[in-house]
Amino acid sequence: MTLKDWAIPTITVVFAAGVTVAGFEATAEDTEDLQDRVGQLESKAGKQEVIDLKIEGVEKRLDKMEDLQSQMMALQQQQAVNMAAVCQATNASCSR
């Protein structure tokens, strides 16, 4: 065997190995990039869940406040009716 018969297959194997290693490194980098992106998306999703829960809590409190306000308005209306009846029954001047 001559050096030429020996060198060409060796160079081919070394070149193929280099291409394979470069492919593995590129795949590893892509995998790391994807892991970073997934981590960011999971973080954003977690933050969005917290925001959604806060919004839900605020909506419940607003609904409760609206109910209380409606009850207060009904009570004030009844008080105004009662006051008008008292004023009329006593012939008092209640315009103040």
PDB file of N, CA and C in Angstrom:
ATOM      1  N   MET A   1       0.822  -1.175   0.000  1.00  0.00           N
ATOM      2  CA  MET A   1       0.000   0.000   0.000  1.00  0.00           C
ATOM      3  C   MET A   1       0.874   1.248   0.000  1.00  0.00           C
ATOM      4  N   THR A   2       0.497   2.151  -0.818  1.00  0.00           N
ATOM      5  CA  THR A   2       1.249   3.395  -0.904  1.00  0.00           C
ATOM      6  C   THR A   2       0.600   4.440   0.003  1.00  0.00           C
ATOM      7  N   LEU A   3       1.302   5.500   0.159  1.00  0.00           N
ATOM      8  CA  LEU A   3       0.814   6.598   0.993  1.00  0.00           C
ATOM      9  C   LEU A   3      -0.485   7.157   0.433  1.00  0.00           C
ATOM     10  N   LYS A   4      -0.630   7.220  -0.865  1.00  0.00           N
ATOM     11  CA  LYS A   4      -1.826   7.736  -1.506  1.00  0.00           C
ATOM     12  C   LYS A   4      -3.023   6.840  -1.202  1.00  0.00           C
ATOM     13  N   ASP A   5      -2.855   5.540  -1.250  1.00  0.00           N
ATOM     14  CA  ASP A   5      -3.946   4.602  -0.956  1.00  0.00           C
ATOM     15  C   ASP A   5      -4.375   4.715   0.510  1.00  0.00           C
ATOM     16  N   TRP A   6      -3.505   5.115   1.310  1.00  0.00           N
ATOM     17  CA  TRP A   6      -3.718   5.212   2.754  1.00  0.00           C
ATOM     18  C   TRP A   6      -4.290   6.565   3.165  1.00  0.00           C
ATOM     19  N   ALA A   7      -3.801   7.612   2.548  1.00  0.00           N
ATOM     20  CA  ALA A   7      -4.151   8.969   2.935  1.00  0.00           C
ATOM     21  C   ALA A   7      -5.566   9.354   2.505  1.00  0.00           C
ATOM     22  N   ILE A   8      -5.984   8.955   1.339  1.00  0.00           N
ATOM     23  CA  ILE A   8      -7.308   9.366   0.845  1.00  0.00           C
ATOM     24  C   ILE A   8      -8.428   8.820   1.741  1.00  0.00           C
ATOM     25  N   PRO A   9      -8.440   7.549   2.088  1.00  0.00           N
ATOM     26  CA  PRO A   9      -9.502   7.074   2.986  1.00  0.00           C
ATOM     27  C   PRO A   9      -9.404   7.715   4.374  1.00  0.00           C
ATOM     28  N   THR A  10      -8.180   7.967   4.834  1.00  0.00           N
ATOM     29  CA  THR A  10      -8.011   8.587   6.156  1.00  0.00           C
ATOM     30  C   THR A  10      -8.556  10.010   6.138  1.00  0.00           C
ATOM     31  N   ILE A  11      -8.245  10.767   5.114  1.00  0.00           N
ATOM     32  CA  ILE A  11      -8.745  12.141   4.999  1.00  0.00           C
ATOM     33  C   ILE A  11     -10.272  12.130   4.898  1.00  0.00           C
ATOM     34  N   THR A  12     -10.822  11.194   4.165  1.00  0.00           N
ATOM     35  CA  THR A  12     -12.277  11.084   4.026  1.00  0.00           C
ATOM     36  C   THR A  12     -12.932  10.813   5.379  1.00  0.00           C
ATOM     37  N   VAL A  13     -12.348   9.893   6.139  1.00  0.00           N
ATOM     38  CA  VAL A  13     -12.895   9.561   7.468  1.00  0.00           C
ATOM     39  C   VAL A  13     -12.791  10.766   8.400  1.00  0.00           C
ATOM     40  N   VAL A  14     -11.660  11.469   8.369  1.00  0.00           N
ATOM     41  CA  VAL A  14     -11.477  12.643   9.226  1.00  0.00           C
ATOM     42  C   VAL A  14     -12.471  13.736   8.826  1.00  0.00           C
ATOM     43  N   PHE A  15     -12.642  13.933   7.540  1.00  0.00           N
ATOM     44  CA  PHE A  15     -13.589  14.941   7.065  1.00  0.00           C
ATOM     45  C   PHE A  15     -15.011  14.570   7.485  1.00  0.00           C
ATOM     46  N   ALA A  16     -15.391  13.320   7.327  1.00  0.00           N
ATOM     47  CA  ALA A  16     -16.737  12.869   7.715  1.00  0.00           C
ATOM     48  C   ALA A  16     -16.939  13.035   9.223  1.00  0.00           C
ATOM     49  N   ALA A  17     -15.921  12.729   9.987  1.00  0.00           N
ATOM     50  CA  ALA A  17     -16.008  12.892  11.438  1.00  0.00           C
ATOM     51  C   ALA A  17     -16.178  14.371  11.798  1.00  0.00           C
ATOM     52  N   GLY A  18     -15.447  15.230  11.112  1.00  0.00           N
ATOM     53  CA  GLY A  18     -15.563  16.671  11.364  1.00  0.00           C
ATOM     54  C   GLY A  18     -16.956  17.184  11.040  1.00  0.00           C
ATOM     55  N   VAL A  19     -17.506  16.730   9.930  1.00  0.00           N
ATOM     56  CA  VAL A  19     -18.865  17.140   9.555  1.00  0.00           C
ATOM     57  C   VAL A  19     -19.869  16.641  10.585  1.00  0.00           C
ATOM     58  N   THR A  20     -19.687  15.420  11.057  1.00  0.00           N
ATOM     59  CA  THR A  20     -20.588  14.850  12.063  1.00  0.00           C
ATOM     60  C   THR A  20     -20.508  15.634  13.365  1.00  0.00           C
ATOM     61  N   VAL A  21     -19.306  15.952  13.814  1.00  0.00           N
ATOM     62  CA  VAL A  21     -19.128  16.721  15.050  1.00  0.00           C
ATOM     63  C   VAL A  21     -19.757  18.107  14.897  1.00  0.00           C
ATOM     64  N   ALA A  22     -19.560  18.748  13.750  1.00  0.00           N
ATOM     65  CA  ALA A  22     -20.158  20.068  13.521  1.00  0.00           C
ATOM     66  C   ALA A  22     -21.679  19.970  13.553  1.00  0.00           C
ATOM     67  N   GLY A  23     -22.225  18.921  12.982  1.00  0.00           N
ATOM     68  CA  GLY A  23     -23.679  18.712  13.011  1.00  0.00           C
ATOM     69  C   GLY A  23     -24.180  18.540  14.437  1.00  0.00           C
ATOM     70  N   PHE A  24     -23.454  17.764  15.240  1.00  0.00           N
ATOM     71  CA  PHE A  24     -23.841  17.565  16.643  1.00  0.00           C
ATOM     72  C   PHE A  24     -23.788  18.891  17.417  1.00  0.00           C
ATOM     73  N   GLU A  25     -22.768  19.670  17.166  1.00  0.00           N
ATOM     74  CA  GLU A  25     -22.643  20.962  17.861  1.00  0.00           C
ATOM     75  C   GLU A  25     -23.776  21.911  17.468  1.00  0.00           C
ATOM     76  N   ALA A  26     -24.119  21.931  16.186  1.00  0.00           N
ATOM     77  CA  ALA A  26     -25.214  22.792  15.728  1.00  0.00           C
ATOM     78  C   ALA A  26     -26.536  22.344  16.346  1.00  0.00           C
ATOM     79  N   THR A  27     -26.722  21.041  16.410  1.00  0.00           N
ATOM     80  CA  THR A  27     -27.938  20.507  17.017  1.00  0.00           C
ATOM     81  C   THR A  27     -27.989  20.847  18.497  1.00  0.00           C
ATOM     82  N   ALA A  28     -26.857  20.753  19.172  1.00  0.00           N
ATOM     83  CA  ALA A  28     -26.808  21.094  20.593  1.00  0.00           C
ATOM     84  C   ALA A  28     -27.136  22.570  20.811  1.00  0.00           C
ATOM     85  N   GLU A  29     -26.605  23.436  19.959  1.00  0.00           N
ATOM     86  CA  GLU A  29     -26.902  24.872  20.066  1.00  0.00           C
ATOM     87  C   GLU A  29     -28.385  25.141  19.816  1.00  0.00           C
ATOM     88  N   ASP A  30     -28.939  24.467  18.797  1.00  0.00           N
ATOM     89  CA  ASP A  30     -30.370  24.631  18.515  1.00  0.00           C
ATOM     90  C   ASP A  30     -31.206  24.157  19.695  1.00  0.00           C
ATOM     91  N   THR A  31     -30.795  23.054  20.304  1.00  0.00           N
ATOM     92  CA  THR A  31     -31.518  22.527  21.458  1.00  0.00           C
ATOM     93  C   THR A  31     -31.474  23.506  22.620  1.00  0.00           C
ATOM     94  N   GLU A  32     -30.320  24.107  22.855  1.00  0.00           N
ATOM     95  CA  GLU A  32     -30.201  25.100  23.929  1.00  0.00           C
ATOM     96  C   GLU A  32     -31.075  26.319  23.636  1.00  0.00           C
ATOM     97  N   ASP A  33     -31.087  26.761  22.375  1.00  0.00           N
ATOM     98  CA  ASP A  33     -31.937  27.898  21.998  1.00  0.00           C
ATOM     99  C   ASP A  33     -33.408  27.568  22.227  1.00  0.00           C
ATOM    100  N   LEU A  34     -33.806  26.370  21.831  1.00  0.00           N
ATOM    101  CA  LEU A  34     -35.195  25.966  22.029  1.00  0.00           C
ATOM    102  C   LEU A  34     -35.532  25.867  23.515  1.00  0.00           C
ATOM    103  N   GLN A  35     -34.601  25.363  24.320  1.00  0.00           N
ATOM    104  CA  GLN A  35     -34.834  25.288  25.765  1.00  0.00           C
ATOM    105  C   GLN A  35     -35.004  26.685  26.350  1.00  0.00           C
ATOM    106  N   ASP A  36     -34.207  27.636  25.887  1.00  0.00           N
ATOM    107  CA  ASP A  36     -34.340  29.019  26.356  1.00  0.00           C
ATOM    108  C   ASP A  36     -35.704  29.594  25.971  1.00  0.00           C
ATOM    109  N   ARG A  37     -36.099  29.346  24.733  1.00  0.00           N
ATOM    110  CA  ARG A  37     -37.396  29.856  24.274  1.00  0.00           C
ATOM    111  C   ARG A  37     -38.548  29.233  25.053  1.00  0.00           C
ATOM    112  N   VAL A  38     -38.475  27.933  25.275  1.00  0.00           N
ATOM    113  CA  VAL A  38     -39.518  27.252  26.055  1.00  0.00           C
ATOM    114  C   VAL A  38     -39.549  27.807  27.475  1.00  0.00           C
ATOM    115  N   GLY A  39     -38.384  28.036  28.057  1.00  0.00           N
ATOM    116  CA  GLY A  39     -38.326  28.616  29.399  1.00  0.00           C
ATOM    117  C   GLY A  39     -38.964  29.989  29.450  1.00  0.00           C
ATOM    118  N   GLN A  40     -38.692  30.806  28.435  1.00  0.00           N
ATOM    119  CA  GLN A  40     -39.289  32.139  28.379  1.00  0.00           C
ATOM    120  C   GLN A  40     -40.799  32.060  28.226  1.00  0.00           C
ATOM    121  N   LEU A  41     -41.259  31.149  27.356  1.00  0.00           N
ATOM    122  CA  LEU A  41     -42.703  30.998  27.166  1.00  0.00           C
ATOM    123  C   LEU A  41     -43.381  30.494  28.435  1.00  0.00           C
ATOM    124  N   GLU A  42     -42.745  29.557  29.127  1.00  0.00           N
ATOM    125  CA  GLU A  42     -43.316  29.053  30.374  1.00  0.00           C
ATOM    126  C   GLU A  42     -43.376  30.163  31.417  1.00  0.00           C
ATOM    127  N   SER A  43     -42.338  30.993  31.442  1.00  0.00           N
ATOM    128  CA  SER A  43     -42.321  32.114  32.382  1.00  0.00           C
ATOM    129  C   SER A  43     -43.444  33.088  32.064  1.00  0.00           C
ATOM    130  N   LYS A  44     -43.606  33.401  30.786  1.00  0.00           N
ATOM    131  CA  LYS A  44     -44.676  34.311  30.377  1.00  0.00           C
ATOM    132  C   LYS A  44     -46.041  33.709  30.678  1.00  0.00           C
ATOM    133  N   ALA A  45     -46.183  32.403  30.450  1.00  0.00           N
ATOM    134  CA  ALA A  45     -47.460  31.745  30.735  1.00  0.00           C
ATOM    135  C   ALA A  45     -47.758  31.790  32.223  1.00  0.00           C
ATOM    136  N   GLY A  46     -46.736  31.586  33.051  1.00  0.00           N
ATOM    137  CA  GLY A  46     -46.928  31.657  34.498  1.00  0.00           C
ATOM    138  C   GLY A  46     -47.332  33.055  34.932  1.00  0.00           C
ATOM    139  N   LYS A  47     -46.686  34.060  34.357  1.00  0.00           N
ATOM    140  CA  LYS A  47     -47.041  35.449  34.678  1.00  0.00           C
ATOM    141  C   LYS A  47     -48.462  35.744  34.233  1.00  0.00           C
ATOM    142  N   GLN A  48     -48.838  35.235  33.061  1.00  0.00           N
ATOM    143  CA  GLN A  48     -50.191  35.471  32.554  1.00  0.00           C
ATOM    144  C   GLN A  48     -51.228  34.822  33.467  1.00  0.00           C
ATOM    145  N   GLU A  49     -50.917  33.630  34.001  1.00  0.00           N
ATOM    146  CA  GLU A  49     -51.835  32.967  34.926  1.00  0.00           C
ATOM    147  C   GLU A  49     -52.025  33.806  36.179  1.00  0.00           C
ATOM    148  N   VAL A  50     -50.946  34.374  36.682  1.00  0.00           N
ATOM    149  CA  VAL A  50     -51.033  35.225  37.875  1.00  0.00           C
ATOM    150  C   VAL A  50     -51.879  36.458  37.568  1.00  0.00           C
ATOM    151  N   ILE A  51     -51.654  37.052  36.410  1.00  0.00           N
ATOM    152  CA  ILE A  51     -52.429  38.235  36.015  1.00  0.00           C
ATOM    153  C   ILE A  51     -53.907  37.872  35.881  1.00  0.00           C
ATOM    154  N   ASP A  52     -54.183  36.712  35.258  1.00  0.00           N
ATOM    155  CA  ASP A  52     -55.572  36.286  35.107  1.00  0.00           C
ATOM    156  C   ASP A  52     -56.241  36.093  36.463  1.00  0.00           C
ATOM    157  N   LEU A  53     -55.511  35.515  37.419  1.00  0.00           N
ATOM    158  CA  LEU A  53     -56.065  35.327  38.757  1.00  0.00           C
ATOM    159  C   LEU A  53     -56.330  36.664  39.430  1.00  0.00           C
ATOM    160  N   LYS A  54     -55.415  37.608  39.263  1.00  0.00           N
ATOM    161  CA  LYS A  54     -55.620  38.940  39.851  1.00  0.00           C
ATOM    162  C   LYS A  54     -56.833  39.615  39.226  1.00  0.00           C
ATOM    163  N   ILE A  55     -56.967  39.512  37.922  1.00  0.00           N
ATOM    164  CA  ILE A  55     -58.112  40.121  37.236  1.00  0.00           C
ATOM    165  C   ILE A  55     -59.408  39.486  37.741  1.00  0.00           C
ATOM    166  N   GLU A  56     -59.396  38.182  37.900  1.00  0.00           N
ATOM    167  CA  GLU A  56     -60.581  37.485  38.401  1.00  0.00           C
ATOM    168  C   GLU A  56     -60.948  37.987  39.796  1.00  0.00           C
ATOM    169  N   GLY A  57     -59.945  38.178  40.650  1.00  0.00           N
ATOM    170  CA  GLY A  57     -60.186  38.691  41.995  1.00  0.00           C
ATOM    171  C   GLY A  57     -60.753  40.100  41.965  1.00  0.00           C
ATOM    172  N   VAL A  58     -60.214  40.934  41.087  1.00  0.00           N
ATOM    173  CA  VAL A  58     -60.697  42.314  40.965  1.00  0.00           C
ATOM    174  C   VAL A  58     -62.141  42.320  40.460  1.00  0.00           C
ATOM    175  N   GLU A  59     -62.442  41.459  39.505  1.00  0.00           N
ATOM    176  CA  GLU A  59     -63.811  41.388  38.977  1.00  0.00           C
ATOM    177  C   GLU A  59     -64.791  40.972  40.072  1.00  0.00           C
ATOM    178  N   LYS A  60     -64.404  40.023  40.906  1.00  0.00           N
ATOM    179  CA  LYS A  60     -65.274  39.585  42.005  1.00  0.00           C
ATOM    180  C   LYS A  60     -65.508  40.731  42.981  1.00  0.00           C
ATOM    181  N   ARG A  61     -64.437  41.461  43.312  1.00  0.00           N
ATOM    182  CA  ARG A  61     -64.589  42.586  44.239  1.00  0.00           C
ATOM    183  C   ARG A  61     -65.480  43.668  43.641  1.00  0.00           C
ATOM    184  N   LEU A  62     -65.322  43.949  42.342  1.00  0.00           N
ATOM    185  CA  LEU A  62     -66.164  44.952  41.689  1.00  0.00           C
ATOM    186  C   LEU A  62     -67.629  44.527  41.696  1.00  0.00           C
ATOM    187  N   ASP A  63     -67.872  43.245  41.424  1.00  0.00           N
ATOM    188  CA  ASP A  63     -69.247  42.744  41.463  1.00  0.00           C
ATOM    189  C   ASP A  63     -69.839  42.917  42.855  1.00  0.00           C
ATOM    190  N   LYS A  64     -69.061  42.619  43.873  1.00  0.00           N
ATOM    191  CA  LYS A  64     -69.529  42.762  45.250  1.00  0.00           C
ATOM    192  C   LYS A  64     -69.818  44.232  45.569  1.00  0.00           C
ATOM    193  N   MET A  65     -68.923  45.124  45.116  1.00  0.00           N
ATOM    194  CA  MET A  65     -69.133  46.555  45.351  1.00  0.00           C
ATOM    195  C   MET A  65     -70.391  47.047  44.640  1.00  0.00           C
ATOM    196  N   GLU A  66     -70.631  46.569  43.428  1.00  0.00           N
ATOM    197  CA  GLU A  66     -71.840  46.963  42.701  1.00  0.00           C
ATOM    198  C   GLU A  66     -73.087  46.486  43.434  1.00  0.00           C
ATOM    199  N   ASP A  67     -73.049  45.272  43.962  1.00  0.00           N
ATOM    200  CA  ASP A  67     -74.188  44.761  44.728  1.00  0.00           C
ATOM    201  C   ASP A  67     -74.433  45.610  45.975  1.00  0.00           C
ATOM    202  N   LEU A  68     -73.364  45.948  46.680  1.00  0.00           N
ATOM    203  CA  LEU A  68     -73.501  46.779  47.877  1.00  0.00           C
ATOM    204  C   LEU A  68     -74.041  48.159  47.524  1.00  0.00           C
ATOM    205  N   GLN A  69     -73.568  48.724  46.425  1.00  0.00           N
ATOM    206  CA  GLN A  69     -74.039  50.038  46.001  1.00  0.00           C
ATOM    207  C   GLN A  69     -75.529  49.983  45.659  1.00  0.00           C
ATOM    208  N   SER A  70     -75.960  48.924  44.993  1.00  0.00           N
ATOM    209  CA  SER A  70     -77.384  48.774  44.666  1.00  0.00           C
ATOM    210  C   SER A  70     -78.216  48.676  45.934  1.00  0.00           C
ATOM    211  N   GLN A  71     -77.727  47.936  46.925  1.00  0.00           N
ATOM    212  CA  GLN A  71     -78.438  47.812  48.193  1.00  0.00           C
ATOM    213  C   GLN A  71     -78.525  49.167  48.898  1.00  0.00           C
ATOM    214  N   MET A  72     -77.425  49.926  48.869  1.00  0.00           N
ATOM    215  CA  MET A  72     -77.420  51.247  49.501  1.00  0.00           C
ATOM    216  C   MET A  72     -78.403  52.187  48.807  1.00  0.00           C
ATOM    217  N   MET A  73     -78.452  52.125  47.476  1.00  0.00           N
ATOM    218  CA  MET A  73     -79.384  52.982  46.736  1.00  0.00           C
ATOM    219  C   MET A  73     -80.823  52.627  47.081  1.00  0.00           C
ATOM    220  N   ALA A  74     -81.130  51.352  47.172  1.00  0.00           N
ATOM    221  CA  ALA A  74     -82.487  50.933  47.524  1.00  0.00           C
ATOM    222  C   ALA A  74     -82.841  51.413  48.930  1.00  0.00           C
ATOM    223  N   LEU A  75     -81.889  51.310  49.851  1.00  0.00           N
ATOM    224  CA  LEU A  75     -82.117  51.766  51.222  1.00  0.00           C
ATOM    225  C   LEU A  75     -82.341  53.277  51.256  1.00  0.00           C
ATOM    226  N   GLN A  76     -81.541  54.035  50.516  1.00  0.00           N
ATOM    227  CA  GLN A  76     -81.701  55.489  50.476  1.00  0.00           C
ATOM    228  C   GLN A  76     -83.045  55.880  49.860  1.00  0.00           C
ATOM    229  N   GLN A  77     -83.460  55.161  48.830  1.00  0.00           N
ATOM    230  CA  GLN A  77     -84.763  55.449  48.230  1.00  0.00           C
ATOM    231  C   GLN A  77     -85.887  55.205  49.230  1.00  0.00           C
ATOM    232  N   GLN A  78     -85.783  54.114  49.978  1.00  0.00           N
ATOM    233  CA  GLN A  78     -86.803  53.808  50.990  1.00  0.00           C
ATOM    234  C   GLN A  78     -86.802  54.866  52.088  1.00  0.00           C
ATOM    235  N   GLN A  79     -85.602  55.312  52.472  1.00  0.00           N
ATOM    236  CA  GLN A  79     -85.514  56.363  53.493  1.00  0.00           C
ATOM    237  C   GLN A  79     -86.139  57.664  52.988  1.00  0.00           C
ATOM    238  N   ALA A  80     -85.939  57.998  51.736  1.00  0.00           N
ATOM    239  CA  ALA A  80     -86.520  59.213  51.163  1.00  0.00           C
ATOM    240  C   ALA A  80     -88.041  59.104  51.151  1.00  0.00           C
ATOM    241  N   VAL A  81     -88.572  57.933  50.805  1.00  0.00           N
ATOM    242  CA  VAL A  81     -90.020  57.721  50.814  1.00  0.00           C
ATOM    243  C   VAL A  81     -90.549  57.864  52.239  1.00  0.00           C
ATOM    244  N   ASN A  82     -89.856  57.255  53.199  1.00  0.00           N
ATOM    245  CA  ASN A  82     -90.273  57.344  54.601  1.00  0.00           C
ATOM    246  C   ASN A  82     -90.233  58.791  55.092  1.00  0.00           C
ATOM    247  N   MET A  83     -89.187  59.532  54.735  1.00  0.00           N
ATOM    248  CA  MET A  83     -89.055  60.926  55.161  1.00  0.00           C
ATOM    249  C   MET A  83     -90.188  61.764  54.580  1.00  0.00           C
ATOM    250  N   ALA A  84     -90.512  61.520  53.311  1.00  0.00           N
ATOM    251  CA  ALA A  84     -91.616  62.256  52.683  1.00  0.00           C
ATOM    252  C   ALA A  84     -92.934  61.946  53.388  1.00  0.00           C
ATOM    253  N   ALA A  85     -93.139  60.702  53.783  1.00  0.00           N
ATOM    254  CA  ALA A  85     -94.368  60.318  54.489  1.00  0.00           C
ATOM    255  C   ALA A  85     -94.441  60.994  55.856  1.00  0.00           C
ATOM    256  N   VAL A  86     -93.300  61.051  56.561  1.00  0.00           N
ATOM    257  CA  VAL A  86     -93.266  61.714  57.873  1.00  0.00           C
ATOM    258  C   VAL A  86     -93.562  63.198  57.705  1.00  0.00           C
ATOM    259  N   CYS A  87     -92.941  63.823  56.719  1.00  0.00           N
ATOM    260  CA  CYS A  87     -93.156  65.257  56.486  1.00  0.00           C
ATOM    261  C   CYS A  87     -94.623  65.533  56.159  1.00  0.00           C
ATOM    262  N   GLN A  88     -95.217  64.708  55.340  1.00  0.00           N
ATOM    263  CA  GLN A  88     -96.610  64.900  54.953  1.00  0.00           C
ATOM    264  C   GLN A  88     -97.534  64.670  56.157  1.00  0.00           C
ATOM    265  N   ALA A  89     -97.237  63.645  56.956  1.00  0.00           N
ATOM    266  CA  ALA A  89     -98.090  63.333  58.109  1.00  0.00           C
ATOM    267  C   ALA A  89     -98.023  64.417  59.169  1.00  0.00           C
ATOM    268  N   THR A  90     -96.895  65.056  59.316  1.00  0.00           N
ATOM    269  CA  THR A  90     -96.725  66.079  60.377  1.00  0.00           C
ATOM    270  C   THR A  90     -96.907  67.493  59.845  1.00  0.00           C
ATOM    271  N   ASN A  91     -97.183  67.627  58.571  1.00  0.00           N
ATOM    272  CA  ASN A  91     -97.301  68.943  57.940  1.00  0.00           C
ATOM    273  C   ASN A  91     -96.047  69.789  58.145  1.00  0.00           C
ATOM    274  N   ALA A  92     -94.908  69.123  58.177  1.00  0.00           N
ATOM    275  CA  ALA A  92     -93.632  69.818  58.394  1.00  0.00           C
ATOM    276  C   ALA A  92     -93.074  70.302  57.066  1.00  0.00           C
ATOM    277  N   SER A  93     -92.218  71.314  57.122  1.00  0.00           N
ATOM    278  CA  SER A  93     -91.524  71.818  55.944  1.00  0.00           C
ATOM    279  C   SER A  93     -90.188  71.094  55.843  1.00  0.00           C
ATOM    280  N   CYS A  94     -90.098  70.115  54.990  1.00  0.00           N
ATOM    281  CA  CYS A  94     -88.896  69.256  54.888  1.00  0.00           C
ATOM    282  C   CYS A  94     -88.108  69.547  53.620  1.00  0.00           C
ATOM    283  N   SER A  95     -88.192  70.732  53.112  1.00  0.00           N
ATOM    284  CA  SER A  95     -87.521  71.038  51.838  1.00  0.00           C
ATOM    285  C   SER A  95     -86.029  71.288  51.989  1.00  0.00           C
ATOM    286  N   ARG A  96     -85.528  71.386  53.198  1.00  0.00           N
ATOM    287  CA  ARG A  96     -84.114  71.663  53.397  1.00  0.00           C
ATOM    288  C   ARG A  96     -83.262  70.465  53.180  1.00  0.00           C
TER     289      ARG A  96
END
